[in-house]
Amino acid sequence: MKSILVLFLIFTASLSSFAQKTDFIILKRGVKQKSQIRYYPGETITYKSTKIDYFVTDVIKSIDNNFIYLSENILSPESITEVDIRDKDRRNGTLRAMNVLTIGAGVILLGAESINSIYHEQEFSISSGVGLASGILIGTGLAMLPLRYKTFKNTGRNKIQIIQMRMD
């Protein structure tokens, strides 16, 4: 009896998931999917429009055929000039992980060398090779910090599209 009830609940949940609408805004840089960013209703978006020359953060309430309804504004995709994608772009997570990895490796190398010198020689010293290698690692990590994707400009091949997927 319990298994039939569980199967019935799974079946009704799957039917209701097919009936839901899935509208989203897609920022396309090209044809590759990893360069596409999606915004769903309920998410915050930071944008700059043709009427406002500074970035505004707002929550997407709903999406229509030609308009994006925000909590304090109504926009068309053509009126958006830039979108801040620092927290939304997945590629920034990879770059952030590479930065942490290289800086962390440099710091760990310095720490291991200093602990090793204190243990073996009873005095603090760092050899020149280890200092150079850790300096290169830390410098590389710090130099890569500004290499993140910051904004999406709605010009040229870049497009902002509204995608509506409804099961009416």
N, C-alpha and C. Protein backbone atom coordinates (compact mmCIF):
# COMPACT_ATOMS: atom_id res chain seq x y z
N MET A 1 0.81 -1.19 0.00
CA MET A 1 0.00 0.00 0.00
C MET A 1 0.86 1.26 0.00
N LYS A 2 1.96 1.24 0.78
CA LYS A 2 2.84 2.40 0.84
C LYS A 2 3.53 2.63 -0.50
N SER A 3 3.91 1.56 -1.17
CA SER A 3 4.60 1.73 -2.46
C SER A 3 3.66 2.31 -3.51
N ILE A 4 2.39 1.92 -3.47
CA ILE A 4 1.42 2.47 -4.43
C ILE A 4 1.21 3.96 -4.16
N LEU A 5 1.14 4.33 -2.89
CA LEU A 5 0.98 5.73 -2.52
C LEU A 5 2.18 6.57 -2.95
N VAL A 6 3.39 6.03 -2.76
CA VAL A 6 4.61 6.73 -3.16
C VAL A 6 4.64 6.89 -4.68
N LEU A 7 4.30 5.85 -5.43
CA LEU A 7 4.26 5.94 -6.89
C LEU A 7 3.22 6.97 -7.35
N PHE A 8 2.08 7.02 -6.70
CA PHE A 8 1.05 7.99 -7.05
C PHE A 8 1.54 9.41 -6.81
N LEU A 9 2.23 9.65 -5.68
CA LEU A 9 2.76 10.98 -5.40
C LEU A 9 3.83 11.39 -6.40
N ILE A 10 4.69 10.47 -6.78
CA ILE A 10 5.73 10.77 -7.79
C ILE A 10 5.08 11.07 -9.13
N PHE A 11 4.05 10.33 -9.49
CA PHE A 11 3.37 10.54 -10.76
C PHE A 11 2.70 11.91 -10.80
N THR A 12 2.00 12.28 -9.72
CA THR A 12 1.34 13.59 -9.72
C THR A 12 2.36 14.73 -9.68
N ALA A 13 3.47 14.54 -9.00
CA ALA A 13 4.51 15.57 -8.98
C ALA A 13 5.13 15.75 -10.35
N SER A 14 5.32 14.64 -11.08
CA SER A 14 5.91 14.76 -12.42
C SER A 14 4.94 15.42 -13.39
N LEU A 15 3.64 15.15 -13.26
CA LEU A 15 2.66 15.81 -14.13
C LEU A 15 2.60 17.30 -13.86
N SER A 16 2.65 17.69 -12.60
CA SER A 16 2.58 19.12 -12.29
C SER A 16 3.85 19.84 -12.72
N SER A 17 4.98 19.14 -12.75
CA SER A 17 6.20 19.80 -13.20
C SER A 17 6.18 20.04 -14.70
N PHE A 18 5.48 19.20 -15.46
CA PHE A 18 5.35 19.44 -16.89
C PHE A 18 4.42 20.60 -17.18
N ALA A 19 3.48 20.87 -16.31
CA ALA A 19 2.50 21.92 -16.54
C ALA A 19 3.00 23.30 -16.16
N GLN A 20 4.13 23.39 -15.48
CA GLN A 20 4.63 24.69 -15.06
C GLN A 20 5.26 25.42 -16.24
N LYS A 21 5.20 26.72 -16.19
CA LYS A 21 5.84 27.51 -17.22
C LYS A 21 7.28 27.79 -16.81
N THR A 22 8.16 27.83 -17.79
CA THR A 22 9.56 28.09 -17.53
C THR A 22 9.99 29.20 -18.47
N ASP A 23 9.81 30.43 -18.04
CA ASP A 23 10.26 31.58 -18.82
C ASP A 23 11.60 32.02 -18.27
N PHE A 24 12.48 32.48 -19.14
CA PHE A 24 13.75 33.00 -18.66
C PHE A 24 14.31 33.97 -19.68
N ILE A 25 15.27 34.75 -19.21
CA ILE A 25 15.99 35.70 -20.05
C ILE A 25 17.35 35.07 -20.30
N ILE A 26 17.79 35.10 -21.54
CA ILE A 26 19.08 34.51 -21.87
C ILE A 26 19.99 35.59 -22.46
N LEU A 27 21.20 35.66 -21.94
CA LEU A 27 22.22 36.56 -22.47
C LEU A 27 23.15 35.70 -23.32
N LYS A 28 23.20 35.96 -24.62
CA LYS A 28 23.98 35.13 -25.53
C LYS A 28 25.18 35.90 -26.06
N ARG A 29 26.36 35.34 -25.90
CA ARG A 29 27.56 35.89 -26.51
C ARG A 29 27.85 35.22 -27.84
N GLY A 30 27.42 34.02 -28.01
CA GLY A 30 27.65 33.26 -29.23
C GLY A 30 26.74 32.05 -29.22
N VAL A 31 27.15 31.02 -29.96
CA VAL A 31 26.32 29.82 -30.04
C VAL A 31 26.65 28.81 -28.95
N LYS A 32 27.78 28.95 -28.29
CA LYS A 32 28.16 27.98 -27.27
C LYS A 32 27.31 28.16 -26.02
N GLN A 33 26.92 27.04 -25.42
CA GLN A 33 26.04 27.12 -24.25
C GLN A 33 26.76 27.62 -23.02
N LYS A 34 28.07 27.40 -22.92
CA LYS A 34 28.76 27.87 -21.72
C LYS A 34 28.93 29.39 -21.70
N SER A 35 28.71 30.04 -22.84
CA SER A 35 28.78 31.50 -22.85
C SER A 35 27.39 32.13 -22.74
N GLN A 36 26.38 31.33 -22.42
CA GLN A 36 25.03 31.83 -22.24
C GLN A 36 24.72 31.92 -20.75
N ILE A 37 24.05 32.98 -20.37
CA ILE A 37 23.68 33.19 -18.97
C ILE A 37 22.17 33.33 -18.91
N ARG A 38 21.55 32.63 -17.97
CA ARG A 38 20.10 32.65 -17.85
C ARG A 38 19.68 33.33 -16.56
N TYR A 39 18.62 34.12 -16.66
CA TYR A 39 17.99 34.76 -15.51
C TYR A 39 16.53 34.31 -15.47
N TYR A 40 16.11 33.77 -14.34
CA TYR A 40 14.75 33.28 -14.15
C TYR A 40 13.97 34.26 -13.28
N PRO A 41 12.63 34.23 -13.35
CA PRO A 41 11.84 35.07 -12.45
C PRO A 41 12.15 34.74 -10.99
N GLY A 42 12.28 35.79 -10.18
CA GLY A 42 12.65 35.64 -8.78
C GLY A 42 14.12 35.94 -8.52
N GLU A 43 14.94 35.98 -9.56
CA GLU A 43 16.37 36.28 -9.40
C GLU A 43 16.60 37.78 -9.50
N THR A 44 17.69 38.23 -8.91
CA THR A 44 18.05 39.64 -9.02
C THR A 44 18.92 39.84 -10.25
N ILE A 45 18.74 40.97 -10.88
CA ILE A 45 19.52 41.33 -12.06
C ILE A 45 20.04 42.76 -11.85
N THR A 46 21.29 42.98 -12.18
CA THR A 46 21.89 44.31 -12.11
C THR A 46 22.13 44.76 -13.53
N TYR A 47 21.51 45.85 -13.93
CA TYR A 47 21.53 46.28 -15.32
C TYR A 47 21.71 47.78 -15.43
N LYS A 48 22.06 48.19 -16.66
CA LYS A 48 22.13 49.60 -17.03
C LYS A 48 21.26 49.75 -18.27
N SER A 49 20.35 50.72 -18.29
CA SER A 49 19.45 50.87 -19.43
C SER A 49 19.77 52.14 -20.21
N THR A 50 19.03 52.33 -21.31
CA THR A 50 19.25 53.51 -22.14
C THR A 50 18.79 54.78 -21.41
N LYS A 51 17.82 54.66 -20.50
CA LYS A 51 17.31 55.82 -19.78
C LYS A 51 18.11 56.13 -18.52
N ILE A 52 18.71 55.09 -17.91
CA ILE A 52 19.47 55.26 -16.67
C ILE A 52 20.91 54.90 -16.96
N ASP A 53 21.84 55.80 -16.68
CA ASP A 53 23.24 55.60 -17.04
C ASP A 53 24.07 55.00 -15.91
N TYR A 54 23.44 54.40 -14.92
CA TYR A 54 24.16 53.74 -13.83
C TYR A 54 23.49 52.39 -13.58
N PHE A 55 24.20 51.51 -12.88
CA PHE A 55 23.69 50.16 -12.64
C PHE A 55 22.59 50.18 -11.57
N VAL A 56 21.53 49.43 -11.83
CA VAL A 56 20.40 49.30 -10.93
C VAL A 56 20.19 47.81 -10.67
N THR A 57 19.99 47.44 -9.41
CA THR A 57 19.70 46.06 -9.06
C THR A 57 18.22 45.92 -8.77
N ASP A 58 17.58 44.94 -9.40
CA ASP A 58 16.15 44.75 -9.26
C ASP A 58 15.84 43.26 -9.34
N VAL A 59 14.64 42.88 -8.92
CA VAL A 59 14.21 41.49 -8.93
C VAL A 59 13.26 41.27 -10.10
N ILE A 60 13.47 40.21 -10.85
CA ILE A 60 12.61 39.87 -11.98
C ILE A 60 11.33 39.26 -11.43
N LYS A 61 10.20 39.89 -11.72
CA LYS A 61 8.91 39.37 -11.26
C LYS A 61 8.31 38.41 -12.27
N SER A 62 8.24 38.84 -13.54
CA SER A 62 7.70 37.97 -14.58
C SER A 62 8.24 38.41 -15.93
N ILE A 63 8.01 37.56 -16.92
CA ILE A 63 8.52 37.82 -18.27
C ILE A 63 7.36 37.65 -19.24
N ASP A 64 7.24 38.60 -20.16
CA ASP A 64 6.19 38.58 -21.18
C ASP A 64 6.85 38.41 -22.53
N ASN A 65 6.07 38.49 -23.61
CA ASN A 65 6.62 38.34 -24.96
C ASN A 65 7.69 39.38 -25.27
N ASN A 66 7.44 40.63 -24.91
CA ASN A 66 8.35 41.71 -25.26
C ASN A 66 8.91 42.49 -24.08
N PHE A 67 8.49 42.16 -22.86
CA PHE A 67 8.88 42.96 -21.72
C PHE A 67 9.33 42.09 -20.55
N ILE A 68 10.20 42.69 -19.74
CA ILE A 68 10.66 42.08 -18.50
C ILE A 68 10.07 42.92 -17.37
N TYR A 69 9.25 42.29 -16.53
CA TYR A 69 8.61 43.00 -15.43
C TYR A 69 9.47 42.81 -14.18
N LEU A 70 10.02 43.93 -13.72
CA LEU A 70 10.84 43.92 -12.52
C LEU A 70 10.02 44.46 -11.36
N SER A 71 10.56 44.39 -10.15
CA SER A 71 9.78 44.86 -9.00
C SER A 71 9.55 46.37 -9.03
N GLU A 72 10.45 47.13 -9.68
CA GLU A 72 10.28 48.58 -9.72
C GLU A 72 10.36 49.17 -11.13
N ASN A 73 10.35 48.32 -12.15
CA ASN A 73 10.52 48.83 -13.50
C ASN A 73 9.97 47.82 -14.50
N ILE A 74 9.72 48.28 -15.71
CA ILE A 74 9.34 47.42 -16.83
C ILE A 74 10.29 47.75 -17.96
N LEU A 75 10.96 46.73 -18.49
CA LEU A 75 11.98 46.94 -19.52
C LEU A 75 11.73 46.05 -20.73
N SER A 76 12.18 46.52 -21.87
CA SER A 76 12.28 45.65 -23.04
C SER A 76 13.75 45.23 -23.17
N PRO A 77 14.04 44.10 -23.76
CA PRO A 77 15.44 43.67 -23.89
C PRO A 77 16.30 44.65 -24.67
N GLU A 78 15.70 45.40 -25.59
CA GLU A 78 16.47 46.36 -26.38
C GLU A 78 16.90 47.58 -25.57
N SER A 79 16.17 47.88 -24.49
CA SER A 79 16.52 49.06 -23.70
C SER A 79 17.63 48.78 -22.68
N ILE A 80 18.03 47.54 -22.52
CA ILE A 80 19.12 47.19 -21.60
C ILE A 80 20.44 47.33 -22.36
N THR A 81 21.35 48.15 -21.85
CA THR A 81 22.64 48.32 -22.51
C THR A 81 23.72 47.41 -21.94
N GLU A 82 23.72 47.22 -20.60
CA GLU A 82 24.71 46.37 -19.96
C GLU A 82 24.06 45.61 -18.80
N VAL A 83 24.61 44.41 -18.53
CA VAL A 83 24.17 43.62 -17.39
C VAL A 83 25.43 43.22 -16.62
N ASP A 84 25.42 43.41 -15.31
CA ASP A 84 26.54 43.02 -14.45
C ASP A 84 26.45 41.51 -14.20
N ILE A 85 27.48 40.77 -14.63
CA ILE A 85 27.44 39.31 -14.55
C ILE A 85 28.54 38.74 -13.66
N ARG A 86 29.07 39.52 -12.75
CA ARG A 86 30.18 39.05 -11.91
C ARG A 86 29.81 37.83 -11.10
N ASP A 87 28.62 37.81 -10.51
CA ASP A 87 28.23 36.69 -9.66
C ASP A 87 27.49 35.61 -10.43
N LYS A 88 27.03 35.89 -11.63
CA LYS A 88 26.19 34.96 -12.38
C LYS A 88 26.96 34.07 -13.35
N ASP A 89 28.06 34.54 -13.88
CA ASP A 89 28.80 33.80 -14.90
C ASP A 89 29.57 32.65 -14.26
N ARG A 90 29.37 31.44 -14.78
CA ARG A 90 30.04 30.25 -14.24
C ARG A 90 31.54 30.29 -14.47
N ARG A 91 31.97 30.94 -15.53
CA ARG A 91 33.40 31.00 -15.83
C ARG A 91 34.16 31.80 -14.77
N ASN A 92 33.48 32.74 -14.11
CA ASN A 92 34.12 33.48 -13.02
C ASN A 92 34.45 32.57 -11.85
N GLY A 93 33.64 31.56 -11.60
CA GLY A 93 33.93 30.60 -10.54
C GLY A 93 35.20 29.82 -10.83
N THR A 94 35.42 29.47 -12.09
CA THR A 94 36.64 28.77 -12.46
C THR A 94 37.86 29.66 -12.30
N LEU A 95 37.74 30.91 -12.73
CA LEU A 95 38.86 31.85 -12.56
C LEU A 95 39.14 32.13 -11.08
N ARG A 96 38.09 32.23 -10.28
CA ARG A 96 38.25 32.44 -8.84
C ARG A 96 38.96 31.25 -8.20
N ALA A 97 38.60 30.04 -8.62
CA ALA A 97 39.24 28.84 -8.09
C ALA A 97 40.72 28.78 -8.49
N MET A 98 41.04 29.19 -9.71
CA MET A 98 42.45 29.21 -10.13
C MET A 98 43.24 30.23 -9.32
N ASN A 99 42.65 31.39 -9.05
CA ASN A 99 43.32 32.40 -8.23
C ASN A 99 43.59 31.88 -6.82
N VAL A 100 42.58 31.29 -6.21
CA VAL A 100 42.75 30.76 -4.85
C VAL A 100 43.78 29.64 -4.84
N LEU A 101 43.77 28.82 -5.88
CA LEU A 101 44.72 27.71 -5.94
C LEU A 101 46.17 28.19 -6.03
N THR A 102 46.44 29.15 -6.91
CA THR A 102 47.82 29.61 -7.06
C THR A 102 48.29 30.41 -5.85
N ILE A 103 47.45 31.28 -5.32
CA ILE A 103 47.84 32.05 -4.13
C ILE A 103 48.01 31.10 -2.94
N GLY A 104 47.09 30.16 -2.78
CA GLY A 104 47.18 29.20 -1.69
C GLY A 104 48.41 28.32 -1.79
N ALA A 105 48.77 27.91 -3.02
CA ALA A 105 49.97 27.09 -3.19
C ALA A 105 51.23 27.87 -2.80
N GLY A 106 51.28 29.14 -3.16
CA GLY A 106 52.43 29.96 -2.78
C GLY A 106 52.54 30.14 -1.28
N VAL A 107 51.41 30.37 -0.61
CA VAL A 107 51.42 30.55 0.84
C VAL A 107 51.78 29.24 1.54
N ILE A 108 51.24 28.12 1.06
CA ILE A 108 51.56 26.83 1.66
C ILE A 108 53.03 26.49 1.47
N LEU A 109 53.57 26.81 0.30
CA LEU A 109 54.99 26.55 0.05
C LEU A 109 55.86 27.36 1.00
N LEU A 110 55.53 28.62 1.21
CA LEU A 110 56.27 29.44 2.18
C LEU A 110 56.14 28.90 3.60
N GLY A 111 54.93 28.52 3.96
CA GLY A 111 54.71 27.98 5.30
C GLY A 111 55.45 26.67 5.54
N ALA A 112 55.41 25.78 4.55
CA ALA A 112 56.10 24.49 4.70
C ALA A 112 57.61 24.69 4.79
N GLU A 113 58.14 25.59 3.99
CA GLU A 113 59.59 25.84 4.03
C GLU A 113 60.01 26.46 5.36
N SER A 114 59.21 27.38 5.86
CA SER A 114 59.59 28.01 7.13
C SER A 114 59.48 27.02 8.29
N ILE A 115 58.43 26.19 8.33
CA ILE A 115 58.31 25.18 9.38
C ILE A 115 59.43 24.16 9.27
N ASN A 116 59.75 23.76 8.04
CA ASN A 116 60.83 22.80 7.82
C ASN A 116 62.17 23.36 8.28
N SER A 117 62.44 24.64 8.00
CA SER A 117 63.70 25.23 8.42
C SER A 117 63.77 25.37 9.95
N ILE A 118 62.67 25.71 10.59
CA ILE A 118 62.64 25.82 12.04
C ILE A 118 62.86 24.44 12.68
N TYR A 119 62.26 23.41 12.10
CA TYR A 119 62.38 22.07 12.67
C TYR A 119 63.80 21.51 12.51
N HIS A 120 64.39 21.67 11.32
CA HIS A 120 65.70 21.08 11.06
C HIS A 120 66.86 21.94 11.55
N GLU A 121 66.78 23.25 11.38
CA GLU A 121 67.92 24.12 11.68
C GLU A 121 67.72 24.96 12.94
N GLN A 122 66.57 24.88 13.58
CA GLN A 122 66.21 25.64 14.78
C GLN A 122 66.29 27.16 14.58
N GLU A 123 66.14 27.61 13.35
CA GLU A 123 66.05 29.05 13.06
C GLU A 123 65.21 29.24 11.80
N PHE A 124 64.59 30.41 11.73
CA PHE A 124 63.72 30.71 10.60
C PHE A 124 64.54 31.14 9.39
N SER A 125 64.37 30.41 8.28
CA SER A 125 65.03 30.80 7.02
C SER A 125 64.24 30.21 5.85
N ILE A 126 64.29 30.93 4.75
CA ILE A 126 63.63 30.47 3.53
C ILE A 126 64.67 30.50 2.43
N SER A 127 64.82 29.39 1.72
CA SER A 127 65.82 29.35 0.65
C SER A 127 65.36 30.21 -0.52
N SER A 128 66.32 30.62 -1.32
CA SER A 128 65.99 31.55 -2.41
C SER A 128 65.13 30.90 -3.48
N GLY A 129 65.32 29.63 -3.75
CA GLY A 129 64.51 28.93 -4.76
C GLY A 129 63.05 28.82 -4.35
N VAL A 130 62.83 28.47 -3.08
CA VAL A 130 61.46 28.36 -2.57
C VAL A 130 60.81 29.74 -2.50
N GLY A 131 61.56 30.75 -2.09
CA GLY A 131 61.03 32.11 -2.05
C GLY A 131 60.64 32.61 -3.43
N LEU A 132 61.49 32.29 -4.44
CA LEU A 132 61.19 32.69 -5.81
C LEU A 132 59.96 31.97 -6.34
N ALA A 133 59.87 30.65 -6.11
CA ALA A 133 58.73 29.88 -6.60
C ALA A 133 57.43 30.33 -5.93
N SER A 134 57.46 30.55 -4.63
CA SER A 134 56.24 30.99 -3.95
C SER A 134 55.88 32.42 -4.35
N GLY A 135 56.88 33.26 -4.58
CA GLY A 135 56.60 34.62 -5.06
C GLY A 135 55.96 34.62 -6.43
N ILE A 136 56.43 33.73 -7.30
CA ILE A 136 55.83 33.62 -8.65
C ILE A 136 54.38 33.13 -8.54
N LEU A 137 54.12 32.14 -7.68
CA LEU A 137 52.76 31.64 -7.51
C LEU A 137 51.82 32.71 -6.96
N ILE A 138 52.24 33.41 -5.94
CA ILE A 138 51.41 34.46 -5.35
C ILE A 138 51.22 35.61 -6.33
N GLY A 139 52.28 36.00 -7.04
CA GLY A 139 52.18 37.07 -8.04
C GLY A 139 51.26 36.71 -9.19
N THR A 140 51.33 35.46 -9.64
CA THR A 140 50.44 35.02 -10.71
C THR A 140 48.99 35.05 -10.26
N GLY A 141 48.73 34.59 -9.05
CA GLY A 141 47.37 34.62 -8.54
C GLY A 141 46.83 36.03 -8.41
N LEU A 142 47.67 36.95 -7.93
CA LEU A 142 47.24 38.34 -7.80
C LEU A 142 47.08 39.01 -9.16
N ALA A 143 47.91 38.64 -10.13
CA ALA A 143 47.80 39.22 -11.47
C ALA A 143 46.55 38.73 -12.20
N MET A 144 46.07 37.55 -11.85
CA MET A 144 44.88 37.00 -12.50
C MET A 144 43.57 37.49 -11.88
N LEU A 145 43.64 38.21 -10.77
CA LEU A 145 42.42 38.70 -10.12
C LEU A 145 41.52 39.56 -11.02
N PRO A 146 42.07 40.49 -11.80
CA PRO A 146 41.17 41.31 -12.63
C PRO A 146 40.68 40.62 -13.91
N LEU A 147 41.04 39.37 -14.15
CA LEU A 147 40.67 38.69 -15.39
C LEU A 147 39.29 38.05 -15.33
N ARG A 148 38.34 38.64 -14.65
CA ARG A 148 37.01 38.07 -14.55
C ARG A 148 36.06 38.80 -15.51
N TYR A 149 35.01 38.09 -15.88
CA TYR A 149 33.98 38.68 -16.72
C TYR A 149 33.10 39.57 -15.85
N LYS A 150 33.03 40.85 -16.18
CA LYS A 150 32.33 41.80 -15.32
C LYS A 150 30.96 42.18 -15.85
N THR A 151 30.89 42.59 -17.11
CA THR A 151 29.61 43.03 -17.66
C THR A 151 29.34 42.37 -19.00
N PHE A 152 28.07 42.30 -19.34
CA PHE A 152 27.60 41.83 -20.63
C PHE A 152 27.03 43.03 -21.35
N LYS A 153 27.63 43.42 -22.47
CA LYS A 153 27.15 44.58 -23.22
C LYS A 153 26.24 44.11 -24.34
N ASN A 154 25.09 44.72 -24.46
CA ASN A 154 24.08 44.35 -25.44
C ASN A 154 24.35 45.06 -26.77
N THR A 155 25.49 44.77 -27.37
CA THR A 155 25.87 45.36 -28.64
C THR A 155 26.50 44.29 -29.52
N GLY A 156 26.46 44.52 -30.82
CA GLY A 156 27.12 43.59 -31.75
C GLY A 156 26.45 42.23 -31.78
N ARG A 157 27.27 41.19 -31.65
CA ARG A 157 26.75 39.82 -31.68
C ARG A 157 26.07 39.42 -30.38
N ASN A 158 26.31 40.16 -29.32
CA ASN A 158 25.69 39.85 -28.03
C ASN A 158 24.20 40.19 -28.09
N LYS A 159 23.39 39.30 -27.57
CA LYS A 159 21.95 39.50 -27.62
C LYS A 159 21.33 39.15 -26.28
N ILE A 160 20.27 39.89 -25.94
CA ILE A 160 19.43 39.55 -24.81
C ILE A 160 18.11 39.06 -25.39
N GLN A 161 17.75 37.83 -25.07
CA GLN A 161 16.54 37.23 -25.61
C GLN A 161 15.62 36.79 -24.48
N ILE A 162 14.32 36.84 -24.76
CA ILE A 162 13.33 36.32 -23.82
C ILE A 162 12.87 34.98 -24.38
N ILE A 163 12.98 33.94 -23.57
CA ILE A 163 12.59 32.60 -23.96
C ILE A 163 11.36 32.21 -23.13
N GLN A 164 10.29 31.83 -23.81
CA GLN A 164 9.08 31.39 -23.11
C GLN A 164 8.81 29.94 -23.49
N MET A 165 8.77 29.10 -22.48
CA MET A 165 8.50 27.68 -22.69
C MET A 165 7.26 27.36 -21.85
N ARG A 166 6.13 27.30 -22.50
CA ARG A 166 4.87 27.09 -21.77
C ARG A 166 4.15 25.87 -22.32
N MET A 167 3.55 25.17 -21.42
CA MET A 167 2.70 24.01 -21.78
C MET A 167 1.25 24.42 -21.55
N ASP A 168 0.64 25.13 -22.53
CA ASP A 168 -0.74 25.60 -22.36
C ASP A 168 -1.71 24.57 -22.87
